[in-house]
Amino acid sequence: MPEFTVLETAEDVAESAAADIASSLAEGARTLVLAGGTTPQRCYELLARADVAWGRVTILFGDERCVPPDHPDSNFKMARAALLDQVSPASVHRMAGELGPDEAADLYSHVVAGLAPL
């Protein structure tokens, strides 16, 4: 039966999520798929401070908006500001949202396939 934890604040959720992710990465996980939007930002900020061997972690994106990477709505821009300075640029595989949904999805499917098995 799954366990559920009730947390009181958004900060508690971010702290718990960052700790769980850092623990998984310490136990051998090597691929981290980032979520977009503003909800995970605080988690990523906390994760950036965690003791993680970032040189062994590949970063992928679960979603992206169809905007350039420097656009204020870009999930990549948010993740870069919050977390990605800790990670080698060669290990970060962003979606090219500026190309539009069809072309970006096609290109990204090849990136992900090239990294398989994850």
PDB file of N, CA and C in Angstrom:
ATOM      1  N   MET A   1       0.845  -1.174   0.000  1.00  0.00           N
ATOM      2  CA  MET A   1       0.000   0.000   0.000  1.00  0.00           C
ATOM      3  C   MET A   1       0.894   1.243   0.000  1.00  0.00           C
ATOM      4  N   PRO A   2       0.599   2.221  -0.848  1.00  0.00           N
ATOM      5  CA  PRO A   2       1.432   3.426  -0.901  1.00  0.00           C
ATOM      6  C   PRO A   2       1.359   4.219   0.395  1.00  0.00           C
ATOM      7  N   GLU A   3       2.450   4.891   0.687  1.00  0.00           N
ATOM      8  CA  GLU A   3       2.496   5.779   1.847  1.00  0.00           C
ATOM      9  C   GLU A   3       2.239   7.204   1.389  1.00  0.00           C
ATOM     10  N   PHE A   4       1.532   7.953   2.191  1.00  0.00           N
ATOM     11  CA  PHE A   4       1.283   9.349   1.903  1.00  0.00           C
ATOM     12  C   PHE A   4       1.794  10.183   3.060  1.00  0.00           C
ATOM     13  N   THR A   5       2.403  11.300   2.729  1.00  0.00           N
ATOM     14  CA  THR A   5       2.883  12.229   3.738  1.00  0.00           C
ATOM     15  C   THR A   5       2.165  13.553   3.533  1.00  0.00           C
ATOM     16  N   VAL A   6       1.601  14.074   4.573  1.00  0.00           N
ATOM     17  CA  VAL A   6       0.936  15.371   4.504  1.00  0.00           C
ATOM     18  C   VAL A   6       1.913  16.412   5.036  1.00  0.00           C
ATOM     19  N   LEU A   7       2.185  17.410   4.223  1.00  0.00           N
ATOM     20  CA  LEU A   7       3.098  18.479   4.610  1.00  0.00           C
ATOM     21  C   LEU A   7       2.311  19.776   4.720  1.00  0.00           C
ATOM     22  N   GLU A   8       2.744  20.630   5.607  1.00  0.00           N
ATOM     23  CA  GLU A   8       1.964  21.825   5.947  1.00  0.00           C
ATOM     24  C   GLU A   8       2.121  22.982   4.965  1.00  0.00           C
ATOM     25  N   THR A   9       3.323  23.168   4.430  1.00  0.00           N
ATOM     26  CA  THR A   9       3.566  24.356   3.609  1.00  0.00           C
ATOM     27  C   THR A   9       4.230  23.977   2.291  1.00  0.00           C
ATOM     28  N   ALA A  10       4.199  24.908   1.353  1.00  0.00           N
ATOM     29  CA  ALA A  10       4.881  24.705   0.074  1.00  0.00           C
ATOM     30  C   ALA A  10       6.385  24.531   0.291  1.00  0.00           C
ATOM     31  N   GLU A  11       6.936  25.243   1.257  1.00  0.00           N
ATOM     32  CA  GLU A  11       8.362  25.101   1.570  1.00  0.00           C
ATOM     33  C   GLU A  11       8.662  23.691   2.075  1.00  0.00           C
ATOM     34  N   ASP A  12       7.785  23.145   2.899  1.00  0.00           N
ATOM     35  CA  ASP A  12       7.959  21.770   3.377  1.00  0.00           C
ATOM     36  C   ASP A  12       7.947  20.786   2.211  1.00  0.00           C
ATOM     37  N   VAL A  13       7.050  21.005   1.261  1.00  0.00           N
ATOM     38  CA  VAL A  13       6.970  20.136   0.080  1.00  0.00           C
ATOM     39  C   VAL A  13       8.258  20.235  -0.727  1.00  0.00           C
ATOM     40  N   ALA A  14       8.737  21.454  -0.958  1.00  0.00           N
ATOM     41  CA  ALA A  14       9.970  21.647  -1.724  1.00  0.00           C
ATOM     42  C   ALA A  14      11.157  20.991  -1.028  1.00  0.00           C
ATOM     43  N   GLU A  15      11.256  21.154   0.283  1.00  0.00           N
ATOM     44  CA  GLU A  15      12.356  20.547   1.043  1.00  0.00           C
ATOM     45  C   GLU A  15      12.298  19.025   0.977  1.00  0.00           C
ATOM     46  N   SER A  16      11.120  18.473   1.133  1.00  0.00           N
ATOM     47  CA  SER A  16      10.958  17.019   1.095  1.00  0.00           C
ATOM     48  C   SER A  16      11.282  16.470  -0.290  1.00  0.00           C
ATOM     49  N   ALA A  17      10.784  17.138  -1.313  1.00  0.00           N
ATOM     50  CA  ALA A  17      11.050  16.686  -2.684  1.00  0.00           C
ATOM     51  C   ALA A  17      12.536  16.766  -3.006  1.00  0.00           C
ATOM     52  N   ALA A  18      13.183  17.864  -2.639  1.00  0.00           N
ATOM     53  CA  ALA A  18      14.618  18.008  -2.902  1.00  0.00           C
ATOM     54  C   ALA A  18      15.412  16.929  -2.177  1.00  0.00           C
ATOM     55  N   ALA A  19      15.056  16.645  -0.944  1.00  0.00           N
ATOM     56  CA  ALA A  19      15.752  15.596  -0.185  1.00  0.00           C
ATOM     57  C   ALA A  19      15.547  14.228  -0.818  1.00  0.00           C
ATOM     58  N   ASP A  20      14.327  13.933  -1.258  1.00  0.00           N
ATOM     59  CA  ASP A  20      14.055  12.646  -1.908  1.00  0.00           C
ATOM     60  C   ASP A  20      14.824  12.503  -3.213  1.00  0.00           C
ATOM     61  N   ILE A  21      14.867  13.567  -4.007  1.00  0.00           N
ATOM     62  CA  ILE A  21      15.596  13.524  -5.278  1.00  0.00           C
ATOM     63  C   ILE A  21      17.085  13.349  -5.019  1.00  0.00           C
ATOM     64  N   ALA A  22      17.634  14.122  -4.093  1.00  0.00           N
ATOM     65  CA  ALA A  22      19.059  14.005  -3.768  1.00  0.00           C
ATOM     66  C   ALA A  22      19.388  12.601  -3.289  1.00  0.00           C
ATOM     67  N   SER A  23      18.520  12.012  -2.494  1.00  0.00           N
ATOM     68  CA  SER A  23      18.728  10.647  -2.009  1.00  0.00           C
ATOM     69  C   SER A  23      18.726   9.646  -3.161  1.00  0.00           C
ATOM     70  N   SER A  24      17.789   9.792  -4.075  1.00  0.00           N
ATOM     71  CA  SER A  24      17.737   8.896  -5.240  1.00  0.00           C
ATOM     72  C   SER A  24      18.989   9.026  -6.091  1.00  0.00           C
ATOM     73  N   LEU A  25      19.465  10.249  -6.272  1.00  0.00           N
ATOM     74  CA  LEU A  25      20.682  10.453  -7.061  1.00  0.00           C
ATOM     75  C   LEU A  25      21.895   9.869  -6.345  1.00  0.00           C
ATOM     76  N   ALA A  26      21.935   9.964  -5.028  1.00  0.00           N
ATOM     77  CA  ALA A  26      23.042   9.384  -4.258  1.00  0.00           C
ATOM     78  C   ALA A  26      23.024   7.865  -4.311  1.00  0.00           C
ATOM     79  N   GLU A  27      21.831   7.288  -4.453  1.00  0.00           N
ATOM     80  CA  GLU A  27      21.694   5.832  -4.497  1.00  0.00           C
ATOM     81  C   GLU A  27      21.949   5.255  -5.882  1.00  0.00           C
ATOM     82  N   GLY A  28      22.237   6.100  -6.861  1.00  0.00           N
ATOM     83  CA  GLY A  28      22.599   5.579  -8.166  1.00  0.00           C
ATOM     84  C   GLY A  28      21.781   6.055  -9.339  1.00  0.00           C
ATOM     85  N   ALA A  29      20.688   6.758  -9.110  1.00  0.00           N
ATOM     86  CA  ALA A  29      19.931   7.299 -10.241  1.00  0.00           C
ATOM     87  C   ALA A  29      20.838   8.258 -11.003  1.00  0.00           C
ATOM     88  N   ARG A  30      20.784   8.201 -12.301  1.00  0.00           N
ATOM     89  CA  ARG A  30      21.687   9.032 -13.097  1.00  0.00           C
ATOM     90  C   ARG A  30      20.967   9.953 -14.065  1.00  0.00           C
ATOM     91  N   THR A  31      19.651   9.838 -14.146  1.00  0.00           N
ATOM     92  CA  THR A  31      18.872  10.701 -15.025  1.00  0.00           C
ATOM     93  C   THR A  31      17.811  11.400 -14.196  1.00  0.00           C
ATOM     94  N   LEU A  32      17.724  12.708 -14.365  1.00  0.00           N
ATOM     95  CA  LEU A  32      16.723  13.502 -13.675  1.00  0.00           C
ATOM     96  C   LEU A  32      15.900  14.224 -14.731  1.00  0.00           C
ATOM     97  N   VAL A  33      14.604  13.957 -14.748  1.00  0.00           N
ATOM     98  CA  VAL A  33      13.699  14.616 -15.683  1.00  0.00           C
ATOM     99  C   VAL A  33      12.993  15.734 -14.923  1.00  0.00           C
ATOM    100  N   LEU A  34      13.227  16.958 -15.381  1.00  0.00           N
ATOM    101  CA  LEU A  34      12.685  18.121 -14.689  1.00  0.00           C
ATOM    102  C   LEU A  34      11.279  18.454 -15.165  1.00  0.00           C
ATOM    103  N   ALA A  35      10.455  18.875 -14.232  1.00  0.00           N
ATOM    104  CA  ALA A  35       9.121  19.381 -14.542  1.00  0.00           C
ATOM    105  C   ALA A  35       9.231  20.874 -14.814  1.00  0.00           C
ATOM    106  N   GLY A  36       8.236  21.403 -15.465  1.00  0.00           N
ATOM    107  CA  GLY A  36       8.244  22.826 -15.770  1.00  0.00           C
ATOM    108  C   GLY A  36       7.270  23.595 -14.903  1.00  0.00           C
ATOM    109  N   GLY A  37       7.102  24.842 -15.241  1.00  0.00           N
ATOM    110  CA  GLY A  37       6.217  25.708 -14.485  1.00  0.00           C
ATOM    111  C   GLY A  37       6.930  26.285 -13.278  1.00  0.00           C
ATOM    112  N   THR A  38       6.189  26.980 -12.457  1.00  0.00           N
ATOM    113  CA  THR A  38       6.799  27.620 -11.291  1.00  0.00           C
ATOM    114  C   THR A  38       6.781  26.738 -10.046  1.00  0.00           C
ATOM    115  N   THR A  39       5.939  25.722 -10.029  1.00  0.00           N
ATOM    116  CA  THR A  39       5.809  24.883  -8.835  1.00  0.00           C
ATOM    117  C   THR A  39       7.127  24.248  -8.390  1.00  0.00           C
ATOM    118  N   PRO A  40       7.937  23.663  -9.291  1.00  0.00           N
ATOM    119  CA  PRO A  40       9.155  22.994  -8.822  1.00  0.00           C
ATOM    120  C   PRO A  40      10.349  23.917  -8.575  1.00  0.00           C
ATOM    121  N   GLN A  41      10.215  25.201  -8.842  1.00  0.00           N
ATOM    122  CA  GLN A  41      11.369  26.097  -8.764  1.00  0.00           C
ATOM    123  C   GLN A  41      12.061  26.050  -7.404  1.00  0.00           C
ATOM    124  N   ARG A  42      11.322  26.142  -6.328  1.00  0.00           N
ATOM    125  CA  ARG A  42      11.942  26.144  -4.998  1.00  0.00           C
ATOM    126  C   ARG A  42      12.634  24.818  -4.715  1.00  0.00           C
ATOM    127  N   CYS A  43      12.041  23.732  -5.152  1.00  0.00           N
ATOM    128  CA  CYS A  43      12.683  22.420  -5.007  1.00  0.00           C
ATOM    129  C   CYS A  43      14.034  22.421  -5.713  1.00  0.00           C
ATOM    130  N   TYR A  44      14.081  22.956  -6.930  1.00  0.00           N
ATOM    131  CA  TYR A  44      15.337  22.983  -7.681  1.00  0.00           C
ATOM    132  C   TYR A  44      16.377  23.861  -6.995  1.00  0.00           C
ATOM    133  N   GLU A  45      15.937  24.979  -6.415  1.00  0.00           N
ATOM    134  CA  GLU A  45      16.872  25.841  -5.684  1.00  0.00           C
ATOM    135  C   GLU A  45      17.490  25.100  -4.501  1.00  0.00           C
ATOM    136  N   LEU A  46      16.687  24.356  -3.788  1.00  0.00           N
ATOM    137  CA  LEU A  46      17.190  23.577  -2.655  1.00  0.00           C
ATOM    138  C   LEU A  46      18.060  22.420  -3.127  1.00  0.00           C
ATOM    139  N   LEU A  47      17.676  21.794  -4.208  1.00  0.00           N
ATOM    140  CA  LEU A  47      18.447  20.686  -4.757  1.00  0.00           C
ATOM    141  C   LEU A  47      19.834  21.145  -5.204  1.00  0.00           C
ATOM    142  N   ALA A  48      19.933  22.373  -5.681  1.00  0.00           N
ATOM    143  CA  ALA A  48      21.231  22.918  -6.106  1.00  0.00           C
ATOM    144  C   ALA A  48      22.222  22.969  -4.946  1.00  0.00           C
ATOM    145  N   ARG A  49      21.722  23.057  -3.719  1.00  0.00           N
ATOM    146  CA  ARG A  49      22.586  23.121  -2.526  1.00  0.00           C
ATOM    147  C   ARG A  49      22.921  21.743  -1.964  1.00  0.00           C
ATOM    148  N   ALA A  50      22.257  20.723  -2.485  1.00  0.00           N
ATOM    149  CA  ALA A  50      22.443  19.367  -1.958  1.00  0.00           C
ATOM    150  C   ALA A  50      23.782  18.794  -2.401  1.00  0.00           C
ATOM    151  N   ASP A  51      24.257  17.847  -1.640  1.00  0.00           N
ATOM    152  CA  ASP A  51      25.513  17.158  -1.949  1.00  0.00           C
ATOM    153  C   ASP A  51      25.233  16.073  -2.987  1.00  0.00           C
ATOM    154  N   VAL A  52      25.269  16.476  -4.254  1.00  0.00           N
ATOM    155  CA  VAL A  52      24.976  15.572  -5.369  1.00  0.00           C
ATOM    156  C   VAL A  52      26.175  15.566  -6.306  1.00  0.00           C
ATOM    157  N   ALA A  53      26.544  14.405  -6.789  1.00  0.00           N
ATOM    158  CA  ALA A  53      27.629  14.283  -7.774  1.00  0.00           C
ATOM    159  C   ALA A  53      27.059  14.626  -9.150  1.00  0.00           C
ATOM    160  N   TRP A  54      26.892  15.917  -9.406  1.00  0.00           N
ATOM    161  CA  TRP A  54      26.224  16.368 -10.627  1.00  0.00           C
ATOM    162  C   TRP A  54      26.936  15.927 -11.892  1.00  0.00           C
ATOM    163  N   GLY A  55      28.213  15.646 -11.814  1.00  0.00           N
ATOM    164  CA  GLY A  55      28.954  15.193 -12.991  1.00  0.00           C
ATOM    165  C   GLY A  55      28.473  13.857 -13.522  1.00  0.00           C
ATOM    166  N   ARG A  56      27.712  13.121 -12.709  1.00  0.00           N
ATOM    167  CA  ARG A  56      27.196  11.815 -13.131  1.00  0.00           C
ATOM    168  C   ARG A  56      25.707  11.851 -13.469  1.00  0.00           C
ATOM    169  N   VAL A  57      25.112  13.037 -13.490  1.00  0.00           N
ATOM    170  CA  VAL A  57      23.667  13.150 -13.686  1.00  0.00           C
ATOM    171  C   VAL A  57      23.360  13.745 -15.058  1.00  0.00           C
ATOM    172  N   THR A  58      22.454  13.100 -15.774  1.00  0.00           N
ATOM    173  CA  THR A  58      21.939  13.611 -17.040  1.00  0.00           C
ATOM    174  C   THR A  58      20.602  14.287 -16.760  1.00  0.00           C
ATOM    175  N   ILE A  59      20.432  15.491 -17.287  1.00  0.00           N
ATOM    176  CA  ILE A  59      19.205  16.253 -17.070  1.00  0.00           C
ATOM    177  C   ILE A  59      18.389  16.281 -18.357  1.00  0.00           C
ATOM    178  N   LEU A  60      17.126  15.890 -18.228  1.00  0.00           N
ATOM    179  CA  LEU A  60      16.155  15.981 -19.320  1.00  0.00           C
ATOM    180  C   LEU A  60      14.988  16.844 -18.853  1.00  0.00           C
ATOM    181  N   PHE A  61      14.156  17.236 -19.779  1.00  0.00           N
ATOM    182  CA  PHE A  61      12.978  18.037 -19.465  1.00  0.00           C
ATOM    183  C   PHE A  61      11.726  17.261 -19.827  1.00  0.00           C
ATOM    184  N   GLY A  62      10.776  17.239 -18.917  1.00  0.00           N
ATOM    185  CA  GLY A  62       9.508  16.566 -19.163  1.00  0.00           C
ATOM    186  C   GLY A  62       8.573  17.398 -20.012  1.00  0.00           C
ATOM    187  N   ASP A  63       8.783  18.693 -20.007  1.00  0.00           N
ATOM    188  CA  ASP A  63       7.972  19.574 -20.838  1.00  0.00           C
ATOM    189  C   ASP A  63       8.682  20.904 -21.019  1.00  0.00           C
ATOM    190  N   GLU A  64       8.258  21.622 -22.040  1.00  0.00           N
ATOM    191  CA  GLU A  64       8.795  22.952 -22.305  1.00  0.00           C
ATOM    192  C   GLU A  64       7.734  23.753 -23.035  1.00  0.00           C
ATOM    193  N   ARG A  65       7.796  25.022 -22.869  1.00  0.00           N
ATOM    194  CA  ARG A  65       6.902  25.914 -23.610  1.00  0.00           C
ATOM    195  C   ARG A  65       7.560  26.243 -24.944  1.00  0.00           C
ATOM    196  N   CYS A  66       6.762  26.606 -25.910  1.00  0.00           N
ATOM    197  CA  CYS A  66       7.277  26.905 -27.252  1.00  0.00           C
ATOM    198  C   CYS A  66       7.756  28.349 -27.317  1.00  0.00           C
ATOM    199  N   VAL A  67       8.833  28.597 -26.600  1.00  0.00           N
ATOM    200  CA  VAL A  67       9.453  29.916 -26.525  1.00  0.00           C
ATOM    201  C   VAL A  67      10.970  29.713 -26.533  1.00  0.00           C
ATOM    202  N   PRO A  68      11.740  30.760 -26.862  1.00  0.00           N
ATOM    203  CA  PRO A  68      13.202  30.642 -26.799  1.00  0.00           C
ATOM    204  C   PRO A  68      13.673  30.371 -25.364  1.00  0.00           C
ATOM    205  N   PRO A  69      14.873  29.817 -25.209  1.00  0.00           N
ATOM    206  CA  PRO A  69      15.361  29.445 -23.875  1.00  0.00           C
ATOM    207  C   PRO A  69      15.603  30.621 -22.934  1.00  0.00           C
ATOM    208  N   ASP A  70      15.683  31.833 -23.463  1.00  0.00           N
ATOM    209  CA  ASP A  70      15.883  33.004 -22.606  1.00  0.00           C
ATOM    210  C   ASP A  70      14.577  33.761 -22.329  1.00  0.00           C
ATOM    211  N   HIS A  71      13.467  33.221 -22.803  1.00  0.00           N
ATOM    212  CA  HIS A  71      12.156  33.852 -22.597  1.00  0.00           C
ATOM    213  C   HIS A  71      11.719  33.669 -21.136  1.00  0.00           C
ATOM    214  N   PRO A  72      11.053  34.662 -20.553  1.00  0.00           N
ATOM    215  CA  PRO A  72      10.616  34.533 -19.153  1.00  0.00           C
ATOM    216  C   PRO A  72       9.717  33.324 -18.877  1.00  0.00           C
ATOM    217  N   ASP A  73       9.010  32.826 -19.885  1.00  0.00           N
ATOM    218  CA  ASP A  73       8.128  31.668 -19.697  1.00  0.00           C
ATOM    219  C   ASP A  73       8.827  30.330 -19.927  1.00  0.00           C
ATOM    220  N   SER A  74      10.090  30.356 -20.285  1.00  0.00           N
ATOM    221  CA  SER A  74      10.819  29.121 -20.586  1.00  0.00           C
ATOM    222  C   SER A  74      11.084  28.304 -19.320  1.00  0.00           C
ATOM    223  N   ASN A  75      10.726  27.040 -19.365  1.00  0.00           N
ATOM    224  CA  ASN A  75      11.042  26.137 -18.256  1.00  0.00           C
ATOM    225  C   ASN A  75      12.551  25.962 -18.126  1.00  0.00           C
ATOM    226  N   PHE A  76      13.255  25.945 -19.248  1.00  0.00           N
ATOM    227  CA  PHE A  76      14.712  25.845 -19.219  1.00  0.00           C
ATOM    228  C   PHE A  76      15.314  27.042 -18.480  1.00  0.00           C
ATOM    229  N   LYS A  77      14.817  28.241 -18.773  1.00  0.00           N
ATOM    230  CA  LYS A  77      15.352  29.437 -18.111  1.00  0.00           C
ATOM    231  C   LYS A  77      15.171  29.344 -16.597  1.00  0.00           C
ATOM    232  N   MET A  78      13.990  28.912 -16.165  1.00  0.00           N
ATOM    233  CA  MET A  78      13.741  28.767 -14.729  1.00  0.00           C
ATOM    234  C   MET A  78      14.692  27.736 -14.124  1.00  0.00           C
ATOM    235  N   ALA A  79      14.822  26.582 -14.776  1.00  0.00           N
ATOM    236  CA  ALA A  79      15.682  25.519 -14.250  1.00  0.00           C
ATOM    237  C   ALA A  79      17.143  25.951 -14.241  1.00  0.00           C
ATOM    238  N   ARG A  80      17.542  26.674 -15.260  1.00  0.00           N
ATOM    239  CA  ARG A  80      18.929  27.143 -15.313  1.00  0.00           C
ATOM    240  C   ARG A  80      19.225  28.078 -14.148  1.00  0.00           C
ATOM    241  N   ALA A  81      18.324  29.005 -13.893  1.00  0.00           N
ATOM    242  CA  ALA A  81      18.527  29.954 -12.793  1.00  0.00           C
ATOM    243  C   ALA A  81      18.499  29.257 -11.435  1.00  0.00           C
ATOM    244  N   ALA A  82      17.664  28.243 -11.298  1.00  0.00           N
ATOM    245  CA  ALA A  82      17.491  27.587  -9.999  1.00  0.00           C
ATOM    246  C   ALA A  82      18.499  26.482  -9.729  1.00  0.00           C
ATOM    247  N   LEU A  83      18.923  25.761 -10.769  1.00  0.00           N
ATOM    248  CA  LEU A  83      19.657  24.514 -10.542  1.00  0.00           C
ATOM    249  C   LEU A  83      20.828  24.266 -11.477  1.00  0.00           C
ATOM    250  N   LEU A  84      20.680  24.587 -12.731  1.00  0.00           N
ATOM    251  CA  LEU A  84      21.581  24.027 -13.737  1.00  0.00           C
ATOM    252  C   LEU A  84      23.001  24.562 -13.732  1.00  0.00           C
ATOM    253  N   ASP A  85      23.290  25.590 -12.956  1.00  0.00           N
ATOM    254  CA  ASP A  85      24.683  26.029 -12.835  1.00  0.00           C
ATOM    255  C   ASP A  85      25.539  24.954 -12.178  1.00  0.00           C
ATOM    256  N   GLN A  86      24.898  24.009 -11.489  1.00  0.00           N
ATOM    257  CA  GLN A  86      25.608  22.920 -10.812  1.00  0.00           C
ATOM    258  C   GLN A  86      25.977  21.786 -11.764  1.00  0.00           C
ATOM    259  N   VAL A  87      25.399  21.794 -12.964  1.00  0.00           N
ATOM    260  CA  VAL A  87      25.484  20.655 -13.874  1.00  0.00           C
ATOM    261  C   VAL A  87      26.274  21.045 -15.111  1.00  0.00           C
ATOM    262  N   SER A  88      27.106  20.133 -15.593  1.00  0.00           N
ATOM    263  CA  SER A  88      27.840  20.376 -16.831  1.00  0.00           C
ATOM    264  C   SER A  88      26.856  20.622 -17.969  1.00  0.00           C
ATOM    265  N   PRO A  89      27.070  21.668 -18.767  1.00  0.00           N
ATOM    266  CA  PRO A  89      26.170  21.917 -19.899  1.00  0.00           C
ATOM    267  C   PRO A  89      26.028  20.711 -20.830  1.00  0.00           C
ATOM    268  N   ALA A  90      27.058  19.893 -20.935  1.00  0.00           N
ATOM    269  CA  ALA A  90      26.991  18.709 -21.797  1.00  0.00           C
ATOM    270  C   ALA A  90      26.015  17.668 -21.262  1.00  0.00           C
ATOM    271  N   SER A  91      25.664  17.756 -19.990  1.00  0.00           N
ATOM    272  CA  SER A  91      24.741  16.798 -19.374  1.00  0.00           C
ATOM    273  C   SER A  91      23.298  17.284 -19.358  1.00  0.00           C
ATOM    274  N   VAL A  92      23.073  18.492 -19.849  1.00  0.00           N
ATOM    275  CA  VAL A  92      21.732  19.081 -19.858  1.00  0.00           C
ATOM    276  C   VAL A  92      21.187  19.017 -21.277  1.00  0.00           C
ATOM    277  N   HIS A  93      20.064  18.358 -21.427  1.00  0.00           N
ATOM    278  CA  HIS A  93      19.451  18.183 -22.743  1.00  0.00           C
ATOM    279  C   HIS A  93      18.109  18.899 -22.741  1.00  0.00           C
ATOM    280  N   ARG A  94      18.113  20.123 -23.254  1.00  0.00           N
ATOM    281  CA  ARG A  94      16.890  20.922 -23.249  1.00  0.00           C
ATOM    282  C   ARG A  94      16.081  20.679 -24.515  1.00  0.00           C
ATOM    283  N   MET A  95      14.788  20.922 -24.413  1.00  0.00           N
ATOM    284  CA  MET A  95      13.921  20.891 -25.588  1.00  0.00           C
ATOM    285  C   MET A  95      14.067  22.222 -26.322  1.00  0.00           C
ATOM    286  N   ALA A  96      14.102  22.171 -27.627  1.00  0.00           N
ATOM    287  CA  ALA A  96      14.205  23.386 -28.436  1.00  0.00           C
ATOM    288  C   ALA A  96      12.804  23.933 -28.689  1.00  0.00           C
ATOM    289  N   GLY A  97      12.171  24.433 -27.641  1.00  0.00           N
ATOM    290  CA  GLY A  97      10.803  24.916 -27.730  1.00  0.00           C
ATOM    291  C   GLY A  97      10.612  26.019 -28.744  1.00  0.00           C
ATOM    292  N   GLU A  98      11.666  26.770 -29.015  1.00  0.00           N
ATOM    293  CA  GLU A  98      11.566  27.868 -29.973  1.00  0.00           C
ATOM    294  C   GLU A  98      11.290  27.380 -31.397  1.00  0.00           C
ATOM    295  N   LEU A  99      11.463  26.084 -31.644  1.00  0.00           N
ATOM    296  CA  LEU A  99      11.222  25.525 -32.977  1.00  0.00           C
ATOM    297  C   LEU A  99       9.761  25.189 -33.224  1.00  0.00           C
ATOM    298  N   GLY A 100       8.939  25.267 -32.201  1.00  0.00           N
ATOM    299  CA  GLY A 100       7.536  24.883 -32.329  1.00  0.00           C
ATOM    300  C   GLY A 100       7.337  23.459 -31.849  1.00  0.00           C
ATOM    301  N   PRO A 101       6.100  23.087 -31.543  1.00  0.00           N
ATOM    302  CA  PRO A 101       5.852  21.802 -30.889  1.00  0.00           C
ATOM    303  C   PRO A 101       6.221  20.578 -31.714  1.00  0.00           C
ATOM    304  N   ASP A 102       5.905  20.571 -32.981  1.00  0.00           N
ATOM    305  CA  ASP A 102       6.157  19.372 -33.781  1.00  0.00           C
ATOM    306  C   ASP A 102       7.645  19.117 -33.980  1.00  0.00           C
ATOM    307  N   GLU A 103       8.357  20.142 -34.421  1.00  0.00           N
ATOM    308  CA  GLU A 103       9.792  19.967 -34.666  1.00  0.00           C
ATOM    309  C   GLU A 103      10.555  19.723 -33.363  1.00  0.00           C
ATOM    310  N   ALA A 104      10.197  20.456 -32.316  1.00  0.00           N
ATOM    311  CA  ALA A 104      10.872  20.270 -31.027  1.00  0.00           C
ATOM    312  C   ALA A 104      10.652  18.861 -30.495  1.00  0.00           C
ATOM    313  N   ALA A 105       9.421  18.362 -30.587  1.00  0.00           N
ATOM    314  CA  ALA A 105       9.128  17.006 -30.102  1.00  0.00           C
ATOM    315  C   ALA A 105       9.868  15.963 -30.917  1.00  0.00           C
ATOM    316  N   ASP A 106       9.916  16.143 -32.222  1.00  0.00           N
ATOM    317  CA  ASP A 106      10.628  15.188 -33.072  1.00  0.00           C
ATOM    318  C   ASP A 106      12.116  15.153 -32.717  1.00  0.00           C
ATOM    319  N   LEU A 107      12.725  16.317 -32.612  1.00  0.00           N
ATOM    320  CA  LEU A 107      14.150  16.374 -32.264  1.00  0.00           C
ATOM    321  C   LEU A 107      14.409  15.784 -30.881  1.00  0.00           C
ATOM    322  N   TYR A 108      13.547  16.106 -29.922  1.00  0.00           N
ATOM    323  CA  TYR A 108      13.769  15.637 -28.555  1.00  0.00           C
ATOM    324  C   TYR A 108      13.586  14.134 -28.439  1.00  0.00           C
ATOM    325  N   SER A 109      12.700  13.576 -29.232  1.00  0.00           N
ATOM    326  CA  SER A 109      12.521  12.120 -29.191  1.00  0.00           C
ATOM    327  C   SER A 109      13.811  11.416 -29.590  1.00  0.00           C
ATOM    328  N   HIS A 110      14.563  12.011 -30.509  1.00  0.00           N
ATOM    329  CA  HIS A 110      15.852  11.429 -30.906  1.00  0.00           C
ATOM    330  C   HIS A 110      16.899  11.588 -29.798  1.00  0.00           C
ATOM    331  N   VAL A 111      16.867  12.719 -29.114  1.00  0.00           N
ATOM    332  CA  VAL A 111      17.787  12.931 -27.984  1.00  0.00           C
ATOM    333  C   VAL A 111      17.542  11.874 -26.913  1.00  0.00           C
ATOM    334  N   VAL A 112      16.280  11.707 -26.541  1.00  0.00           N
ATOM    335  CA  VAL A 112      15.937  10.749 -25.490  1.00  0.00           C
ATOM    336  C   VAL A 112      16.272   9.330 -25.935  1.00  0.00           C
ATOM    337  N   ALA A 113      15.950   8.992 -27.171  1.00  0.00           N
ATOM    338  CA  ALA A 113      16.254   7.647 -27.681  1.00  0.00           C
ATOM    339  C   ALA A 113      17.758   7.389 -27.664  1.00  0.00           C
ATOM    340  N   GLY A 114      18.548   8.417 -27.939  1.00  0.00           N
ATOM    341  CA  GLY A 114      19.997   8.267 -27.932  1.00  0.00           C
ATOM    342  C   GLY A 114      20.569   8.041 -26.548  1.00  0.00           C
ATOM    343  N   LEU A 115      19.818   8.407 -25.533  1.00  0.00           N
ATOM    344  CA  LEU A 115      20.265   8.221 -24.151  1.00  0.00           C
ATOM    345  C   LEU A 115      19.760   6.918 -23.547  1.00  0.00           C
ATOM    346  N   ALA A 116      18.846   6.271 -24.213  1.00  0.00           N
ATOM    347  CA  ALA A 116      18.236   5.033 -23.686  1.00  0.00           C
ATOM    348  C   ALA A 116      19.282   3.939 -23.579  1.00  0.00           C
ATOM    349  N   PRO A 117      19.176   3.036 -22.636  1.00  0.00           N
ATOM    350  CA  PRO A 117      18.139   3.023 -21.606  1.00  0.00           C
ATOM    351  C   PRO A 117      18.447   4.048 -20.527  1.00  0.00           C
ATOM    352  N   LEU A 118      17.391   4.622 -20.001  1.00  0.00           N
ATOM    353  CA  LEU A 118      17.566   5.672 -18.987  1.00  0.00           C
ATOM    354  C   LEU A 118      17.685   5.073 -17.619  1.00  0.00           C
TER     355      LEU A 118
END
